Protein backbone atom coordinates (compact mmCIF):
# COMPACT_ATOMS: atom_id res chain seq x y z
CA MET A 1 106.74 -3.39 -34.70
CA ASN A 2 105.17 -5.35 -37.39
CA LYS A 3 103.21 -3.59 -40.37
CA LYS A 4 100.12 -4.88 -38.80
CA ALA A 5 100.37 -3.05 -35.70
CA LYS A 6 102.11 0.21 -37.51
CA LYS A 7 98.95 0.19 -39.82
CA TYR A 8 96.84 0.26 -37.08
CA LEU A 9 98.66 2.95 -35.11
CA GLY A 10 98.42 5.34 -38.30
CA TYR A 11 94.76 5.27 -38.64
CA LEU A 12 94.70 6.31 -34.51
CA GLY A 13 96.94 8.78 -35.19
CA LYS A 14 94.91 9.92 -38.14
CA ALA A 15 91.60 9.83 -35.92
CA ILE A 16 92.52 11.37 -33.17
CA LEU A 17 94.15 14.17 -35.48
CA ALA A 18 90.77 14.39 -36.98
CA PHE A 19 88.94 14.61 -33.76
CA PHE A 20 91.17 17.21 -32.34
CA VAL A 21 90.62 19.44 -36.06
CA SER A 22 86.96 18.60 -36.36
CA THR A 23 85.97 20.20 -32.54
CA ILE A 24 88.52 22.92 -33.00
CA LEU A 25 87.17 23.82 -36.09
CA MET A 26 83.32 23.02 -34.50
CA VAL A 27 84.49 25.78 -31.80
CA VAL A 28 85.40 28.81 -33.92
CA ILE A 29 82.71 28.30 -36.20
CA TYR A 30 79.92 28.76 -33.43
CA ARG A 31 82.16 31.38 -32.04
CA PHE A 32 80.11 33.36 -34.73
CA VAL A 33 77.19 30.91 -36.34
CA PRO A 34 74.12 30.47 -34.08
CA VAL A 35 74.15 27.40 -32.82
CA PRO A 36 70.98 25.16 -34.65
CA TYR A 37 70.27 22.26 -32.64
CA THR A 38 71.65 19.88 -29.10
CA PHE A 39 72.01 16.56 -28.66
CA LEU A 40 69.83 17.36 -26.11
CA MET A 41 67.06 19.25 -27.69
CA PHE A 42 66.31 15.72 -29.57
CA GLN A 43 67.01 13.36 -26.71
CA ARG A 44 63.79 15.45 -24.67
CA GLY A 45 61.98 15.56 -28.16
CA PHE A 46 61.88 11.45 -28.03
CA GLU A 47 61.42 11.11 -24.64
CA ARG A 48 58.53 12.74 -25.15
CA MET A 49 57.28 11.19 -28.14
CA ALA A 50 58.13 7.98 -25.78
CA ASP A 51 55.54 9.41 -23.76
CA GLY A 52 52.54 9.34 -26.22
CA LYS A 53 53.26 13.51 -26.42
CA SER A 54 54.74 15.15 -30.21
CA PHE A 55 58.21 15.65 -31.07
CA GLN A 56 58.63 19.29 -29.94
CA ILE A 57 60.96 21.85 -29.59
CA LYS A 58 60.70 25.00 -29.20
CA LYS A 59 63.68 27.36 -30.18
CA ASP A 60 63.93 30.75 -31.32
CA TRP A 61 67.96 32.04 -31.67
CA VAL A 62 68.21 36.05 -31.05
CA SER A 63 71.58 37.64 -30.68
CA LYS A 64 72.33 39.00 -27.54
CA ASN A 65 70.91 42.67 -27.93
CA LYS A 66 67.69 40.77 -28.19
CA ILE A 67 67.58 39.41 -24.57
CA ASN A 68 67.13 41.88 -21.72
CA PRO A 69 70.97 42.16 -20.23
CA LYS A 70 68.73 41.49 -16.31
CA LEU A 71 68.59 37.45 -17.99
CA ASP A 72 72.73 37.74 -18.08
CA LEU A 73 72.95 39.31 -14.64
CA ALA A 74 70.24 36.61 -12.99
CA VAL A 75 71.43 33.99 -14.55
CA PHE A 76 75.14 35.38 -13.30
CA CYS A 77 74.07 35.41 -9.37
CA ALA A 78 71.96 32.56 -9.48
CA GLU A 79 74.34 29.95 -11.04
CA ASP A 80 78.03 31.13 -11.06
CA GLN A 81 78.94 34.88 -9.37
CA ASN A 82 82.88 33.70 -10.64
CA PHE A 83 81.93 33.52 -13.98
CA LEU A 84 83.52 36.96 -15.32
CA ILE A 85 87.07 35.74 -12.86
CA HIS A 86 87.30 31.63 -13.32
CA GLU A 87 88.76 30.05 -16.84
CA GLY A 88 86.09 27.23 -17.00
CA PHE A 89 86.33 25.66 -13.66
CA ASP A 90 85.58 27.44 -9.99
CA MET A 91 88.52 25.42 -8.12
CA LYS A 92 86.97 26.63 -4.38
CA ALA A 93 83.19 25.52 -5.46
CA ILE A 94 84.44 21.72 -7.11
CA GLU A 95 86.49 21.42 -3.47
CA GLU A 96 83.46 22.68 -1.60
CA ALA A 97 80.96 20.44 -3.38
CA MET A 98 83.59 17.63 -2.22
CA GLU A 99 83.52 17.87 1.19
CA TYR A 100 79.69 18.57 1.01
CA ASN A 101 79.48 15.37 -1.13
CA GLU A 102 81.44 13.56 0.99
CA LYS A 103 80.38 15.05 4.90
CA HIS A 104 76.66 13.73 3.63
CA ALA A 105 77.01 10.82 1.77
CA ASN A 106 75.78 8.14 4.78
CA SER A 107 72.91 10.77 5.67
CA LYS A 108 69.62 9.06 4.89
CA HIS A 109 68.37 10.87 2.23
CA PRO A 110 71.68 11.97 0.50
CA LYS A 111 71.99 15.44 -1.29
CA THR A 112 74.70 16.06 -3.36
CA ARG A 113 76.22 19.37 -4.45
CA GLY A 114 77.58 20.29 -8.24
CA ALA A 115 79.91 22.70 -9.16
CA SER A 116 79.64 23.07 -12.77
CA THR A 117 80.23 26.52 -14.06
CA ILE A 118 78.02 28.30 -16.64
CA SER A 119 81.49 27.67 -19.12
CA GLN A 120 80.82 24.15 -18.27
CA GLN A 121 77.25 23.72 -18.68
CA CYS A 122 77.45 25.61 -22.20
CA ALA A 123 79.67 23.12 -23.32
CA LYS A 124 78.43 20.28 -22.26
CA ASN A 125 74.84 21.67 -23.79
CA VAL A 126 75.89 22.32 -26.97
CA PHE A 127 78.69 19.50 -28.06
CA LEU A 128 78.16 16.85 -25.58
CA TRP A 129 75.11 14.58 -25.18
CA PRO A 130 73.71 13.91 -21.47
CA ASN A 131 75.05 11.60 -19.08
CA ARG A 132 77.46 11.15 -16.27
CA GLY A 133 79.64 8.98 -17.46
CA TRP A 134 83.79 9.64 -17.31
CA ILE A 135 83.93 9.94 -20.80
CA ARG A 136 81.76 12.46 -21.24
CA LYS A 137 82.73 14.70 -18.29
CA GLY A 138 86.15 13.73 -20.02
CA LEU A 139 85.20 15.92 -23.03
CA GLU A 140 83.08 18.57 -21.15
CA VAL A 141 86.53 19.43 -19.80
CA TYR A 142 87.79 19.72 -22.93
CA PHE A 143 85.19 21.57 -24.48
CA THR A 144 85.17 23.82 -21.82
CA PHE A 145 88.76 24.62 -22.10
CA LEU A 146 88.40 25.65 -26.02
CA ILE A 147 85.55 28.00 -25.53
CA GLU A 148 87.09 29.81 -22.62
CA LYS A 149 90.18 29.80 -25.08
CA ILE A 150 88.32 30.72 -28.51
CA TRP A 151 84.91 32.39 -27.31
CA SER A 152 84.58 35.65 -25.34
CA LYS A 153 82.70 35.57 -21.85
CA GLU A 154 79.83 37.39 -23.27
CA ARG A 155 79.47 34.79 -26.29
CA ILE A 156 79.27 31.92 -24.07
CA MET A 157 76.72 33.69 -22.08
CA GLU A 158 74.93 34.18 -25.33
CA VAL A 159 75.03 30.58 -26.62
CA TYR A 160 74.09 29.83 -23.22
CA LEU A 161 70.97 31.52 -22.64
CA ASN A 162 69.97 30.66 -26.30
CA VAL A 163 70.68 26.86 -26.16
CA ILE A 164 69.83 25.85 -22.32
CA GLU A 165 66.46 24.34 -21.76
CA PHE A 166 64.08 26.27 -19.68
CA GLY A 167 61.20 23.39 -19.80
CA ASP A 168 59.41 20.79 -21.37
CA GLY A 169 60.30 21.25 -25.55
CA VAL A 170 61.14 24.69 -24.51
CA TYR A 171 64.76 26.02 -25.86
CA GLY A 172 66.67 29.25 -25.12
CA ALA A 173 65.40 32.56 -23.51
CA GLU A 174 63.65 34.07 -26.56
CA ALA A 175 61.28 30.56 -26.42
CA ALA A 176 61.14 31.01 -22.92
CA ALA A 177 59.72 34.55 -22.53
CA LYS A 178 57.28 33.62 -25.24
CA THR A 179 56.21 30.74 -23.91
CA TYR A 180 55.61 31.41 -20.13
CA PHE A 181 55.36 35.11 -20.25
CA ASN A 182 54.30 36.14 -23.99
CA CYS A 183 56.96 38.38 -24.57
CA SER A 184 60.34 38.89 -26.53
CA ALA A 185 63.26 38.02 -24.07
CA ALA A 186 64.23 42.18 -24.62
CA GLN A 187 60.72 42.82 -23.02
CA LEU A 188 61.62 40.28 -19.70
CA THR A 189 61.26 42.17 -16.26
CA ALA A 190 63.78 41.76 -14.02
CA PRO A 191 61.65 39.41 -11.75
CA GLN A 192 60.78 37.25 -14.93
CA CYS A 193 64.67 37.60 -15.23
CA ALA A 194 65.39 36.11 -12.03
CA LEU A 195 62.59 33.48 -12.48
CA MET A 196 63.73 31.96 -15.71
CA ALA A 197 67.17 32.00 -13.96
CA ILE A 198 66.26 30.02 -10.29
CA VAL A 199 64.37 26.70 -12.90
CA LEU A 200 68.26 26.11 -14.96
CA PRO A 201 69.39 23.86 -12.21
CA ASN A 202 66.49 21.29 -12.94
CA PRO A 203 64.20 22.70 -15.31
CA ARG A 204 62.00 19.37 -15.47
CA LYS A 205 61.07 19.44 -11.58
CA PHE A 206 60.50 23.97 -11.77
CA ASP A 207 57.99 25.13 -14.48
CA LEU A 208 57.87 28.17 -15.06
CA ALA A 209 54.43 28.27 -15.65
CA LYS A 210 53.25 27.35 -11.95
CA ALA A 211 56.23 28.95 -10.04
CA SER A 212 56.10 27.41 -6.30
CA SER A 213 56.66 29.16 -2.67
CA TYR A 214 59.71 28.05 -2.91
CA MET A 215 60.44 29.16 -6.63
CA HIS A 216 59.45 32.37 -5.58
CA LYS A 217 61.20 32.12 -1.92
CA ARG A 218 64.53 31.74 -4.87
CA GLN A 219 63.40 34.50 -6.64
CA ASN A 220 63.62 36.94 -4.33
CA TRP A 221 67.38 36.22 -3.41
CA VAL A 222 68.38 36.23 -6.73
CA LEU A 223 66.72 39.65 -7.05
CA ARG A 224 68.56 41.17 -3.96
CA GLN A 225 71.98 39.52 -5.60
CA MET A 226 70.98 41.50 -8.53
CA GLY A 227 70.77 44.95 -6.32
CA TYR A 228 74.19 43.62 -4.80
CA GLN A 229 75.91 43.45 -8.23
CA GLY A 230 74.95 46.33 -9.01
CA GLY A 231 71.82 45.86 -11.49
CA GLU A 232 74.07 44.82 -14.71
CA LEU A 233 76.44 42.45 -15.63
CA ASP A 234 80.01 44.55 -16.72
CA TYR A 235 81.90 41.78 -19.35
CA ASP A 236 84.62 44.92 -19.45
CA LYS A 237 85.27 44.45 -15.76
CA GLU A 238 86.47 40.69 -16.73
CA ALA A 239 90.66 41.60 -16.47
CA GLU A 240 89.81 43.92 -13.38
CA LEU A 241 88.24 41.52 -11.16
CA LYS A 242 90.49 38.53 -12.76
CA GLU A 243 93.79 40.83 -11.20
CA LYS A 244 91.90 41.45 -7.89
CA GLU A 245 91.53 37.88 -7.31
CA THR A 246 94.82 37.20 -8.50
CA LYS A 247 96.25 39.73 -5.48
CA ALA A 248 93.58 37.98 -2.82
CA GLN A 249 94.95 35.21 -3.54
CA THR A 250 98.77 35.54 -3.52
CA GLN A 251 98.08 38.48 -0.62
CA PRO A 252 98.22 36.22 2.66
CA THR A 253 101.20 33.51 1.11
CA THR A 254 103.31 37.91 0.73
CA THR A 255 101.96 38.85 4.31
CA LYS A 256 103.32 35.04 5.85
CA ASN A 257 106.33 35.85 3.89
CA LYS A 258 106.78 38.99 5.42
CA LYS A 259 106.51 37.56 8.45
CA LYS A 260 109.44 35.08 8.30
CA LYS A 261 111.42 37.90 7.33
CA SER A 262 111.43 40.31 9.94
CA ILE A 263 111.97 36.60 12.32
CA HIS A 264 115.11 36.68 10.95
CA LYS A 265 115.96 39.63 11.55
């Protein structure tokens, strides 16, 4: 290997090291510090300007104890009911989405189903840009892994609820509560929380200011799910739920092995 090649490899090695150090440091910092802005916020702001509107970013970071815990539960029920169990990726949901998309790929009006978890959505919104390319998806996996290892589930939800888009130029639970319900995030009612949760998959399509009949139908479904979950999201049960899930996954194998042993007897 000549000197020039070694020089370029040295630069590449330093660049890779700098990437890992800087990204891990950023994740560690955001474990304790509020996220100021995201790429999406600026992109939407410039898109507004392109449409002849003013640049606008409505956001107001608040700590989790200033957000009605019903919103945690509503988002959990609407977006990711395995949030406390998975390690950032819901493999069962991914398999089901792939099967569904493959099945409907040749239909006249194909609809795709996603399987992103709250952790993935949080990682994408905080650290990345809106794009469906493979590079962005790969980085999403990387940052999802990091926040799952460095943050708690409660911190992931807190950050998510503070940066997620709720409408045109509106980001985070506090700004959304003030804009659409004229109250603080702490004063939100359960029905309001359920309505906010169902707009998250597509806040540019579903308007909190003008809720459609479909939105109200989904709102009622989320409220029922919230009731089934006991009315609150208990983060302290995370370890217990994971243990139950592990036992449930290993039970069929154990039973099958026992049956095989009995045959040999």
